[in-house]
Amino acid sequence: MSDAREEANKWYRLLEGIAVALGNLRCQPEELPKIVSAKVAEVERLTGMLSKISEAVGHIRASHAKAAESTARSLAAVELDIFRVLSPGSNF
């Protein structure tokens, strides 16, 4: 539900920005296409940034997963070494 609310807020802010721009253009209707085009370009830019951020987060998660797996293997090897040293009959 939080995602839906965030999406609704995003669209509300966009429409609010367009409404403000329209309010500022009461005497200049020829400027409307420029303003709408600028808002669309801004939304496209932000969408591209979000896509790049999402991709980076995916890479970070994958990197952390690999690091966690490597750490778990290392800990298992250390535990095995400790077990060998502490087991009866160890020559260590």
N, C-alpha and C. Protein backbone atom coordinates (compact mmCIF):
# COMPACT_ATOMS: atom_id res chain seq x y z
N MET A 1 0.83 -1.19 0.00
CA MET A 1 0.00 0.00 0.00
C MET A 1 0.87 1.25 0.00
N SER A 2 2.01 1.17 0.64
CA SER A 2 2.92 2.30 0.68
C SER A 2 3.38 2.68 -0.72
N ASP A 3 3.66 1.66 -1.55
CA ASP A 3 4.08 1.93 -2.92
C ASP A 3 2.99 2.65 -3.70
N ALA A 4 1.76 2.23 -3.52
CA ALA A 4 0.64 2.87 -4.21
C ALA A 4 0.49 4.31 -3.75
N ARG A 5 0.67 4.54 -2.47
CA ARG A 5 0.56 5.90 -1.93
C ARG A 5 1.69 6.77 -2.49
N GLU A 6 2.91 6.23 -2.54
CA GLU A 6 4.03 6.99 -3.09
C GLU A 6 3.79 7.31 -4.57
N GLU A 7 3.28 6.34 -5.31
CA GLU A 7 2.99 6.56 -6.73
C GLU A 7 1.92 7.65 -6.89
N ALA A 8 0.89 7.59 -6.06
CA ALA A 8 -0.17 8.60 -6.13
C ALA A 8 0.38 9.98 -5.78
N ASN A 9 1.24 10.04 -4.77
CA ASN A 9 1.84 11.33 -4.39
C ASN A 9 2.71 11.88 -5.51
N LYS A 10 3.44 11.00 -6.18
CA LYS A 10 4.30 11.43 -7.28
C LYS A 10 3.46 12.07 -8.38
N TRP A 11 2.37 11.40 -8.75
CA TRP A 11 1.51 11.93 -9.82
C TRP A 11 0.81 13.21 -9.36
N TYR A 12 0.43 13.25 -8.10
CA TYR A 12 -0.21 14.45 -7.57
C TYR A 12 0.74 15.65 -7.67
N ARG A 13 2.01 15.44 -7.26
CA ARG A 13 2.99 16.53 -7.34
C ARG A 13 3.21 16.98 -8.79
N LEU A 14 3.25 16.01 -9.70
CA LEU A 14 3.41 16.36 -11.11
C LEU A 14 2.24 17.20 -11.60
N LEU A 15 1.03 16.73 -11.30
CA LEU A 15 -0.16 17.47 -11.73
C LEU A 15 -0.24 18.83 -11.04
N GLU A 16 0.16 18.89 -9.80
CA GLU A 16 0.17 20.15 -9.07
C GLU A 16 1.14 21.14 -9.73
N GLY A 17 2.31 20.64 -10.15
CA GLY A 17 3.28 21.48 -10.84
C GLY A 17 2.73 22.00 -12.15
N ILE A 18 2.03 21.14 -12.87
CA ILE A 18 1.42 21.56 -14.14
C ILE A 18 0.32 22.60 -13.87
N ALA A 19 -0.46 22.37 -12.82
CA ALA A 19 -1.53 23.32 -12.48
C ALA A 19 -0.95 24.69 -12.12
N VAL A 20 0.15 24.69 -11.37
CA VAL A 20 0.80 25.96 -11.02
C VAL A 20 1.30 26.64 -12.28
N ALA A 21 1.91 25.84 -13.15
CA ALA A 21 2.41 26.41 -14.41
C ALA A 21 1.26 26.98 -15.24
N LEU A 22 0.15 26.27 -15.28
CA LEU A 22 -1.01 26.76 -16.03
C LEU A 22 -1.53 28.05 -15.41
N GLY A 23 -1.53 28.12 -14.09
CA GLY A 23 -1.97 29.32 -13.41
C GLY A 23 -1.08 30.51 -13.74
N ASN A 24 0.20 30.24 -13.91
CA ASN A 24 1.14 31.30 -14.26
C ASN A 24 1.02 31.72 -15.72
N LEU A 25 0.32 30.94 -16.51
CA LEU A 25 0.24 31.21 -17.95
C LEU A 25 -1.09 31.83 -18.38
N ARG A 26 -1.83 32.34 -17.47
CA ARG A 26 -3.14 32.87 -17.83
C ARG A 26 -3.07 33.85 -18.99
N CYS A 27 -2.01 34.61 -19.06
CA CYS A 27 -1.86 35.60 -20.13
C CYS A 27 -0.95 35.11 -21.24
N GLN A 28 -0.37 33.91 -21.09
CA GLN A 28 0.60 33.43 -22.06
C GLN A 28 0.33 31.97 -22.46
N PRO A 29 -0.79 31.69 -23.11
CA PRO A 29 -1.11 30.31 -23.46
C PRO A 29 -0.12 29.67 -24.43
N GLU A 30 0.60 30.48 -25.19
CA GLU A 30 1.57 29.92 -26.14
C GLU A 30 2.74 29.25 -25.43
N GLU A 31 2.92 29.53 -24.14
CA GLU A 31 4.02 28.92 -23.37
C GLU A 31 3.65 27.53 -22.83
N LEU A 32 2.38 27.17 -22.89
CA LEU A 32 1.92 25.90 -22.33
C LEU A 32 2.67 24.69 -22.89
N PRO A 33 2.84 24.55 -24.20
CA PRO A 33 3.56 23.37 -24.71
C PRO A 33 4.99 23.27 -24.17
N LYS A 34 5.66 24.41 -24.01
CA LYS A 34 7.03 24.39 -23.48
C LYS A 34 7.05 23.88 -22.04
N ILE A 35 6.12 24.37 -21.25
CA ILE A 35 6.09 23.98 -19.84
C ILE A 35 5.73 22.51 -19.69
N VAL A 36 4.73 22.06 -20.43
CA VAL A 36 4.35 20.65 -20.37
C VAL A 36 5.50 19.78 -20.84
N SER A 37 6.15 20.19 -21.90
CA SER A 37 7.30 19.44 -22.42
C SER A 37 8.42 19.38 -21.38
N ALA A 38 8.67 20.48 -20.70
CA ALA A 38 9.71 20.52 -19.66
C ALA A 38 9.35 19.58 -18.51
N LYS A 39 8.08 19.57 -18.12
CA LYS A 39 7.65 18.68 -17.04
C LYS A 39 7.79 17.22 -17.46
N VAL A 40 7.42 16.91 -18.68
CA VAL A 40 7.56 15.54 -19.18
C VAL A 40 9.03 15.14 -19.20
N ALA A 41 9.88 16.04 -19.65
CA ALA A 41 11.32 15.77 -19.67
C ALA A 41 11.85 15.55 -18.26
N GLU A 42 11.36 16.33 -17.31
CA GLU A 42 11.79 16.17 -15.92
C GLU A 42 11.36 14.80 -15.37
N VAL A 43 10.14 14.41 -15.66
CA VAL A 43 9.66 13.09 -15.21
C VAL A 43 10.49 11.99 -15.85
N GLU A 44 10.79 12.12 -17.14
CA GLU A 44 11.61 11.11 -17.82
C GLU A 44 13.01 11.05 -17.22
N ARG A 45 13.58 12.20 -16.89
CA ARG A 45 14.91 12.24 -16.28
C ARG A 45 14.89 11.56 -14.92
N LEU A 46 13.89 11.88 -14.11
CA LEU A 46 13.78 11.27 -12.79
C LEU A 46 13.54 9.77 -12.88
N THR A 47 12.74 9.36 -13.85
CA THR A 47 12.50 7.93 -14.05
C THR A 47 13.79 7.22 -14.42
N GLY A 48 14.58 7.84 -15.28
CA GLY A 48 15.88 7.27 -15.64
C GLY A 48 16.81 7.16 -14.44
N MET A 49 16.81 8.20 -13.60
CA MET A 49 17.64 8.17 -12.40
C MET A 49 17.19 7.05 -11.47
N LEU A 50 15.89 6.91 -11.29
CA LEU A 50 15.37 5.84 -10.43
C LEU A 50 15.75 4.47 -10.97
N SER A 51 15.71 4.32 -12.27
CA SER A 51 16.10 3.06 -12.88
C SER A 51 17.56 2.74 -12.60
N LYS A 52 18.43 3.75 -12.73
CA LYS A 52 19.86 3.55 -12.46
C LYS A 52 20.09 3.24 -10.99
N ILE A 53 19.38 3.92 -10.11
CA ILE A 53 19.51 3.66 -8.67
C ILE A 53 19.06 2.24 -8.36
N SER A 54 17.95 1.83 -8.94
CA SER A 54 17.43 0.48 -8.72
C SER A 54 18.44 -0.56 -9.20
N GLU A 55 19.05 -0.32 -10.34
CA GLU A 55 20.06 -1.23 -10.87
C GLU A 55 21.27 -1.30 -9.93
N ALA A 56 21.69 -0.15 -9.42
CA ALA A 56 22.83 -0.11 -8.49
C ALA A 56 22.51 -0.86 -7.21
N VAL A 57 21.30 -0.70 -6.71
CA VAL A 57 20.89 -1.42 -5.50
C VAL A 57 20.93 -2.92 -5.75
N GLY A 58 20.50 -3.35 -6.92
CA GLY A 58 20.56 -4.77 -7.26
C GLY A 58 21.98 -5.28 -7.26
N HIS A 59 22.91 -4.50 -7.81
CA HIS A 59 24.32 -4.90 -7.81
C HIS A 59 24.87 -4.96 -6.39
N ILE A 60 24.50 -4.00 -5.57
CA ILE A 60 24.96 -3.98 -4.18
C ILE A 60 24.44 -5.19 -3.43
N ARG A 61 23.17 -5.51 -3.63
CA ARG A 61 22.59 -6.68 -2.96
C ARG A 61 23.30 -7.96 -3.39
N ALA A 62 23.57 -8.08 -4.68
CA ALA A 62 24.27 -9.27 -5.18
C ALA A 62 25.67 -9.34 -4.59
N SER A 63 26.34 -8.21 -4.52
CA SER A 63 27.69 -8.17 -3.95
C SER A 63 27.68 -8.57 -2.48
N HIS A 64 26.70 -8.06 -1.74
CA HIS A 64 26.60 -8.42 -0.32
C HIS A 64 26.28 -9.90 -0.16
N ALA A 65 25.46 -10.43 -1.02
CA ALA A 65 25.12 -11.86 -0.94
C ALA A 65 26.37 -12.70 -1.18
N LYS A 66 27.18 -12.32 -2.17
CA LYS A 66 28.42 -13.05 -2.44
C LYS A 66 29.38 -12.94 -1.26
N ALA A 67 29.49 -11.76 -0.70
CA ALA A 67 30.38 -11.56 0.45
C ALA A 67 29.91 -12.37 1.65
N ALA A 68 28.60 -12.40 1.88
CA ALA A 68 28.06 -13.18 2.99
C ALA A 68 28.33 -14.66 2.79
N GLU A 69 28.16 -15.13 1.56
CA GLU A 69 28.42 -16.54 1.26
C GLU A 69 29.90 -16.87 1.48
N SER A 70 30.78 -16.00 1.04
CA SER A 70 32.22 -16.20 1.22
C SER A 70 32.58 -16.20 2.70
N THR A 71 32.00 -15.28 3.46
CA THR A 71 32.25 -15.22 4.90
C THR A 71 31.76 -16.48 5.59
N ALA A 72 30.59 -16.96 5.19
CA ALA A 72 30.05 -18.18 5.79
C ALA A 72 30.98 -19.36 5.51
N ARG A 73 31.51 -19.45 4.29
CA ARG A 73 32.44 -20.54 3.96
C ARG A 73 33.71 -20.43 4.81
N SER A 74 34.21 -19.22 4.96
CA SER A 74 35.42 -19.01 5.76
C SER A 74 35.19 -19.38 7.21
N LEU A 75 34.05 -18.99 7.75
CA LEU A 75 33.73 -19.34 9.14
C LEU A 75 33.59 -20.85 9.30
N ALA A 76 32.99 -21.50 8.33
CA ALA A 76 32.85 -22.96 8.40
C ALA A 76 34.22 -23.62 8.39
N ALA A 77 35.14 -23.10 7.58
CA ALA A 77 36.50 -23.66 7.53
C ALA A 77 37.21 -23.45 8.86
N VAL A 78 37.04 -22.29 9.46
CA VAL A 78 37.67 -22.02 10.76
C VAL A 78 37.07 -22.93 11.83
N GLU A 79 35.76 -23.10 11.82
CA GLU A 79 35.11 -23.99 12.78
C GLU A 79 35.64 -25.41 12.63
N LEU A 80 35.81 -25.86 11.40
CA LEU A 80 36.33 -27.20 11.16
C LEU A 80 37.76 -27.32 11.68
N ASP A 81 38.58 -26.30 11.45
CA ASP A 81 39.95 -26.31 11.96
C ASP A 81 39.96 -26.35 13.49
N ILE A 82 39.11 -25.57 14.12
CA ILE A 82 39.03 -25.57 15.59
C ILE A 82 38.61 -26.94 16.08
N PHE A 83 37.62 -27.54 15.43
CA PHE A 83 37.15 -28.87 15.82
C PHE A 83 38.29 -29.88 15.72
N ARG A 84 39.06 -29.81 14.64
CA ARG A 84 40.18 -30.73 14.45
C ARG A 84 41.23 -30.56 15.55
N VAL A 85 41.51 -29.32 15.89
CA VAL A 85 42.53 -29.05 16.92
C VAL A 85 42.06 -29.52 18.29
N LEU A 86 40.78 -29.32 18.57
CA LEU A 86 40.26 -29.66 19.90
C LEU A 86 39.82 -31.11 20.04
N SER A 87 39.73 -31.84 18.96
CA SER A 87 39.25 -33.22 19.06
C SER A 87 40.33 -34.10 19.69
N PRO A 88 39.89 -35.14 20.44
CA PRO A 88 40.84 -36.04 21.09
C PRO A 88 41.74 -36.71 20.05
N GLY A 89 42.98 -36.85 20.39
CA GLY A 89 43.93 -37.50 19.49
C GLY A 89 44.51 -36.56 18.47
N SER A 90 44.25 -35.26 18.60
CA SER A 90 44.80 -34.30 17.66
C SER A 90 46.30 -34.20 17.85
N ASN A 91 47.03 -34.12 16.79
CA ASN A 91 48.48 -34.02 16.85
C ASN A 91 48.96 -32.58 16.88
N PHE A 92 48.06 -31.66 17.05
CA PHE A 92 48.45 -30.26 17.03
C PHE A 92 49.08 -29.85 18.33
